[in-house]
Amino acid sequence: MPARKKSRKLERHDTRKWVLNAVESSGAGAALPTSEIAAKATALSGTKLPFYSIYQALRTLVRQKALSVRRQGRERIYRLSGSAPAASEPAAPRAGRPRAARTSAAPAPKAAPGPSLSPNVLHTIAPGEIALLHVSETHVETAANVEGKLVLKRHPRPE
């Protein structure tokens, strides 16, 4: 009976080494998505690397700060830590709302006196709940949470 060929199991650090070599081989400021890193690491190692090993190696290298990561849509883009972005790579657009430029330092006009709302009320009114803010001789001021929106009303006092 022929001797059985032993399959060489990957050591824990082997995949990390191949992944880091794949990112380094792409250039100083190049950023690569996970799929390209997986293809390069597999080509460099000469063996099929399981995807879970590549993902684990990438997470570990980011945690060790050898790589930096950013998201682009549903994809993660990896780059060597401390390397500047490549000149051919466009700058990532900033997410968030555009900020309005302040044109004057004049104070905003005050609204007509209405119900005063304490900051705690916003966090304590559950959907469908009504809170009494102020009761006077002529009217009652209420705040209600209607489908997630705060509704302030002034009602004439019942006689």
C-alpha atoms as a PDB file:
ATOM      1  CA  MET A   1       0.000   0.000   0.000  1.00  0.00           C
ATOM      2  CA  PRO A   2       1.478   3.393  -0.969  1.00  0.00           C
ATOM      3  CA  ALA A   3       2.275   5.847   1.768  1.00  0.00           C
ATOM      4  CA  ARG A   4      -0.395   8.417   2.300  1.00  0.00           C
ATOM      5  CA  LYS A   5       0.583  11.929   1.336  1.00  0.00           C
ATOM      6  CA  LYS A   6       0.121  14.259   4.255  1.00  0.00           C
ATOM      7  CA  SER A   7      -1.653  17.454   3.419  1.00  0.00           C
ATOM      8  CA  ARG A   8       0.054  20.477   4.849  1.00  0.00           C
ATOM      9  CA  LYS A   9      -2.324  22.434   7.020  1.00  0.00           C
ATOM     10  CA  LEU A  10      -2.008  26.173   6.956  1.00  0.00           C
ATOM     11  CA  GLU A  11      -0.426  27.636  10.018  1.00  0.00           C
ATOM     12  CA  ARG A  12      -2.302  30.379  11.735  1.00  0.00           C
ATOM     13  CA  HIS A  13       0.120  33.099  10.597  1.00  0.00           C
ATOM     14  CA  ASP A  14       0.555  31.861   7.012  1.00  0.00           C
ATOM     15  CA  THR A  15      -2.621  33.435   5.655  1.00  0.00           C
ATOM     16  CA  ARG A  16      -1.828  36.702   7.395  1.00  0.00           C
ATOM     17  CA  LYS A  17       1.613  36.690   5.790  1.00  0.00           C
ATOM     18  CA  TRP A  18       0.203  36.083   2.288  1.00  0.00           C
ATOM     19  CA  VAL A  19      -2.485  38.727   2.701  1.00  0.00           C
ATOM     20  CA  LEU A  20       0.043  41.321   3.860  1.00  0.00           C
ATOM     21  CA  ASN A  21       2.372  40.424   0.959  1.00  0.00           C
ATOM     22  CA  ALA A  22      -0.554  40.806  -1.483  1.00  0.00           C
ATOM     23  CA  VAL A  23      -1.338  44.312  -0.227  1.00  0.00           C
ATOM     24  CA  GLU A  24       2.340  45.317  -0.184  1.00  0.00           C
ATOM     25  CA  SER A  25       2.890  44.025  -3.722  1.00  0.00           C
ATOM     26  CA  SER A  26       0.154  46.310  -5.084  1.00  0.00           C
ATOM     27  CA  GLY A  27       2.133  49.486  -4.360  1.00  0.00           C
ATOM     28  CA  ALA A  28       2.592  52.065  -1.649  1.00  0.00           C
ATOM     29  CA  GLY A  29      -0.687  54.007  -1.802  1.00  0.00           C
ATOM     30  CA  ALA A  30      -2.903  51.466  -3.554  1.00  0.00           C
ATOM     31  CA  ALA A  31      -6.206  50.491  -1.988  1.00  0.00           C
ATOM     32  CA  LEU A  32      -7.609  47.048  -2.726  1.00  0.00           C
ATOM     33  CA  PRO A  33     -11.028  45.494  -2.170  1.00  0.00           C
ATOM     34  CA  THR A  34     -11.273  42.151  -0.398  1.00  0.00           C
ATOM     35  CA  SER A  35     -11.811  40.153  -3.607  1.00  0.00           C
ATOM     36  CA  GLU A  36      -8.586  41.446  -5.192  1.00  0.00           C
ATOM     37  CA  ILE A  37      -6.613  40.782  -2.006  1.00  0.00           C
ATOM     38  CA  ALA A  38      -7.980  37.224  -1.912  1.00  0.00           C
ATOM     39  CA  ALA A  39      -7.008  36.615  -5.555  1.00  0.00           C
ATOM     40  CA  LYS A  40      -3.489  38.028  -5.086  1.00  0.00           C
ATOM     41  CA  ALA A  41      -2.881  36.144  -1.832  1.00  0.00           C
ATOM     42  CA  THR A  42      -3.992  32.874  -3.441  1.00  0.00           C
ATOM     43  CA  ALA A  43      -1.707  33.488  -6.424  1.00  0.00           C
ATOM     44  CA  LEU A  44       1.270  34.344  -4.182  1.00  0.00           C
ATOM     45  CA  SER A  45       0.797  31.342  -1.890  1.00  0.00           C
ATOM     46  CA  GLY A  46       0.306  28.830  -4.689  1.00  0.00           C
ATOM     47  CA  THR A  47      -2.457  27.100  -2.727  1.00  0.00           C
ATOM     48  CA  LYS A  48      -6.176  27.726  -2.383  1.00  0.00           C
ATOM     49  CA  LEU A  49      -6.727  29.905   0.678  1.00  0.00           C
ATOM     50  CA  PRO A  50     -10.174  29.624   2.274  1.00  0.00           C
ATOM     51  CA  PHE A  51     -12.141  32.869   2.276  1.00  0.00           C
ATOM     52  CA  TYR A  52     -12.809  32.709   6.017  1.00  0.00           C
ATOM     53  CA  SER A  53      -9.024  32.621   6.600  1.00  0.00           C
ATOM     54  CA  ILE A  54      -8.529  35.665   4.388  1.00  0.00           C
ATOM     55  CA  TYR A  55     -11.310  37.601   6.140  1.00  0.00           C
ATOM     56  CA  GLN A  56      -9.922  36.650   9.552  1.00  0.00           C
ATOM     57  CA  ALA A  57      -6.409  37.675   8.493  1.00  0.00           C
ATOM     58  CA  LEU A  58      -7.694  41.038   7.240  1.00  0.00           C
ATOM     59  CA  ARG A  59      -9.570  41.689  10.497  1.00  0.00           C
ATOM     60  CA  THR A  60      -6.489  40.773  12.531  1.00  0.00           C
ATOM     61  CA  LEU A  61      -4.186  42.990  10.451  1.00  0.00           C
ATOM     62  CA  VAL A  62      -6.597  45.916  10.849  1.00  0.00           C
ATOM     63  CA  ARG A  63      -6.737  45.309  14.605  1.00  0.00           C
ATOM     64  CA  GLN A  64      -2.909  45.247  14.705  1.00  0.00           C
ATOM     65  CA  LYS A  65      -2.953  48.501  12.681  1.00  0.00           C
ATOM     66  CA  ALA A  66      -0.894  47.019   9.840  1.00  0.00           C
ATOM     67  CA  LEU A  67      -3.768  47.828   7.452  1.00  0.00           C
ATOM     68  CA  SER A  68      -6.397  50.539   7.426  1.00  0.00           C
ATOM     69  CA  VAL A  69      -9.907  49.919   6.183  1.00  0.00           C
ATOM     70  CA  ARG A  70     -12.749  52.055   4.839  1.00  0.00           C
ATOM     71  CA  ARG A  71     -16.115  51.152   3.390  1.00  0.00           C
ATOM     72  CA  GLN A  72     -17.130  51.993  -0.127  1.00  0.00           C
ATOM     73  CA  GLY A  73     -20.741  50.955  -0.580  1.00  0.00           C
ATOM     74  CA  ARG A  74     -20.983  47.311   0.465  1.00  0.00           C
ATOM     75  CA  GLU A  75     -17.279  46.703  -0.056  1.00  0.00           C
ATOM     76  CA  ARG A  76     -14.336  47.162   2.276  1.00  0.00           C
ATOM     77  CA  ILE A  77     -11.213  48.750   0.848  1.00  0.00           C
ATOM     78  CA  TYR A  78      -7.876  47.964   2.522  1.00  0.00           C
ATOM     79  CA  ARG A  79      -4.617  49.927   2.355  1.00  0.00           C
ATOM     80  CA  LEU A  80      -1.325  49.791   4.225  1.00  0.00           C
ATOM     81  CA  SER A  81      -1.492  51.940   7.356  1.00  0.00           C
ATOM     82  CA  GLY A  82       0.350  55.208   7.104  1.00  0.00           C
ATOM     83  CA  SER A  83       0.421  55.249   3.304  1.00  0.00           C
ATOM     84  CA  ALA A  84      -1.051  58.201   1.468  1.00  0.00           C
ATOM     85  CA  PRO A  85      -3.787  57.604  -1.123  1.00  0.00           C
ATOM     86  CA  ALA A  86      -2.588  57.086  -4.659  1.00  0.00           C
ATOM     87  CA  ALA A  87      -2.799  60.080  -7.002  1.00  0.00           C
ATOM     88  CA  SER A  88      -5.088  58.185  -9.396  1.00  0.00           C
ATOM     89  CA  GLU A  89      -7.545  57.365  -6.619  1.00  0.00           C
ATOM     90  CA  PRO A  90     -10.257  60.028  -6.197  1.00  0.00           C
ATOM     91  CA  ALA A  91     -10.898  61.376  -2.732  1.00  0.00           C
ATOM     92  CA  ALA A  92     -13.874  59.737  -1.066  1.00  0.00           C
ATOM     93  CA  PRO A  93     -16.918  62.012  -0.845  1.00  0.00           C
ATOM     94  CA  ARG A  94     -17.834  63.063   2.653  1.00  0.00           C
ATOM     95  CA  ALA A  95     -21.038  61.562   3.898  1.00  0.00           C
ATOM     96  CA  GLY A  96     -23.632  63.504   5.809  1.00  0.00           C
ATOM     97  CA  ARG A  97     -25.825  66.506   5.335  1.00  0.00           C
ATOM     98  CA  PRO A  98     -24.411  69.622   3.709  1.00  0.00           C
ATOM     99  CA  ARG A  99     -23.980  72.399   6.212  1.00  0.00           C
ATOM    100  CA  ALA A 100     -25.553  75.769   5.590  1.00  0.00           C
ATOM    101  CA  ALA A 101     -23.172  78.696   5.618  1.00  0.00           C
ATOM    102  CA  ARG A 102     -23.869  81.286   8.267  1.00  0.00           C
ATOM    103  CA  THR A 103     -24.255  84.643   6.622  1.00  0.00           C
ATOM    104  CA  SER A 104     -24.924  86.987   9.502  1.00  0.00           C
ATOM    105  CA  ALA A 105     -24.466  87.080  13.214  1.00  0.00           C
ATOM    106  CA  ALA A 106     -27.888  88.650  13.801  1.00  0.00           C
ATOM    107  CA  PRO A 107     -30.020  86.738  16.280  1.00  0.00           C
ATOM    108  CA  ALA A 108     -32.917  84.759  14.880  1.00  0.00           C
ATOM    109  CA  PRO A 109     -36.357  86.279  15.452  1.00  0.00           C
ATOM    110  CA  LYS A 110     -38.204  84.783  18.378  1.00  0.00           C
ATOM    111  CA  ALA A 111     -41.382  82.884  17.703  1.00  0.00           C
ATOM    112  CA  ALA A 112     -44.648  83.878  19.285  1.00  0.00           C
ATOM    113  CA  PRO A 113     -44.944  82.630  22.822  1.00  0.00           C
ATOM    114  CA  GLY A 114     -46.229  79.100  22.752  1.00  0.00           C
ATOM    115  CA  PRO A 115     -46.063  76.041  24.906  1.00  0.00           C
ATOM    116  CA  SER A 116     -42.788  75.693  26.738  1.00  0.00           C
ATOM    117  CA  LEU A 117     -41.265  72.249  26.395  1.00  0.00           C
ATOM    118  CA  SER A 118     -38.781  70.849  28.852  1.00  0.00           C
ATOM    119  CA  PRO A 119     -35.958  68.762  27.295  1.00  0.00           C
ATOM    120  CA  ASN A 120     -37.005  65.663  29.265  1.00  0.00           C
ATOM    121  CA  VAL A 121     -40.476  65.561  27.689  1.00  0.00           C
ATOM    122  CA  LEU A 122     -39.106  64.632  24.243  1.00  0.00           C
ATOM    123  CA  HIS A 123     -37.555  61.474  25.622  1.00  0.00           C
ATOM    124  CA  THR A 124     -40.395  60.466  27.897  1.00  0.00           C
ATOM    125  CA  ILE A 125     -43.420  60.655  25.607  1.00  0.00           C
ATOM    126  CA  ALA A 126     -44.140  57.233  24.150  1.00  0.00           C
ATOM    127  CA  PRO A 127     -46.029  56.864  20.849  1.00  0.00           C
ATOM    128  CA  GLY A 128     -49.691  57.633  21.440  1.00  0.00           C
ATOM    129  CA  GLU A 129     -49.047  59.295  24.800  1.00  0.00           C
ATOM    130  CA  ILE A 130     -50.098  62.850  25.707  1.00  0.00           C
ATOM    131  CA  ALA A 131     -48.328  65.080  28.232  1.00  0.00           C
ATOM    132  CA  LEU A 132     -49.807  68.182  29.856  1.00  0.00           C
ATOM    133  CA  LEU A 133     -47.286  71.003  29.641  1.00  0.00           C
ATOM    134  CA  HIS A 134     -49.189  73.909  31.110  1.00  0.00           C
ATOM    135  CA  VAL A 135     -52.626  74.461  32.583  1.00  0.00           C
ATOM    136  CA  SER A 136     -53.917  78.015  32.943  1.00  0.00           C
ATOM    137  CA  GLU A 137     -57.305  79.598  33.548  1.00  0.00           C
ATOM    138  CA  THR A 138     -57.950  80.035  29.811  1.00  0.00           C
ATOM    139  CA  HIS A 139     -56.179  77.162  28.061  1.00  0.00           C
ATOM    140  CA  VAL A 140     -54.315  73.860  28.355  1.00  0.00           C
ATOM    141  CA  GLU A 141     -51.031  73.170  26.512  1.00  0.00           C
ATOM    142  CA  THR A 142     -50.315  69.568  25.534  1.00  0.00           C
ATOM    143  CA  ALA A 143     -47.582  67.612  23.780  1.00  0.00           C
ATOM    144  CA  ALA A 144     -48.405  64.349  22.019  1.00  0.00           C
ATOM    145  CA  ASN A 145     -46.339  61.760  20.198  1.00  0.00           C
ATOM    146  CA  VAL A 146     -48.275  61.022  17.012  1.00  0.00           C
ATOM    147  CA  GLU A 147     -46.544  58.377  14.884  1.00  0.00           C
ATOM    148  CA  GLY A 148     -43.108  59.473  16.074  1.00  0.00           C
ATOM    149  CA  LYS A 149     -43.706  63.207  15.598  1.00  0.00           C
ATOM    150  CA  LEU A 150     -44.080  65.631  18.467  1.00  0.00           C
ATOM    151  CA  VAL A 151     -47.304  67.637  18.201  1.00  0.00           C
ATOM    152  CA  LEU A 152     -47.787  70.686  20.424  1.00  0.00           C
ATOM    153  CA  LYS A 153     -51.322  72.070  20.855  1.00  0.00           C
ATOM    154  CA  ARG A 154     -53.079  74.746  22.824  1.00  0.00           C
ATOM    155  CA  HIS A 155     -56.658  73.846  23.750  1.00  0.00           C
ATOM    156  CA  PRO A 156     -59.261  76.175  25.277  1.00  0.00           C
ATOM    157  CA  ARG A 157     -59.988  75.178  28.836  1.00  0.00           C
ATOM    158  CA  PRO A 158     -63.285  73.348  29.229  1.00  0.00           C
ATOM    159  CA  GLU A 159     -65.816  75.106  31.435  1.00  0.00           C
END
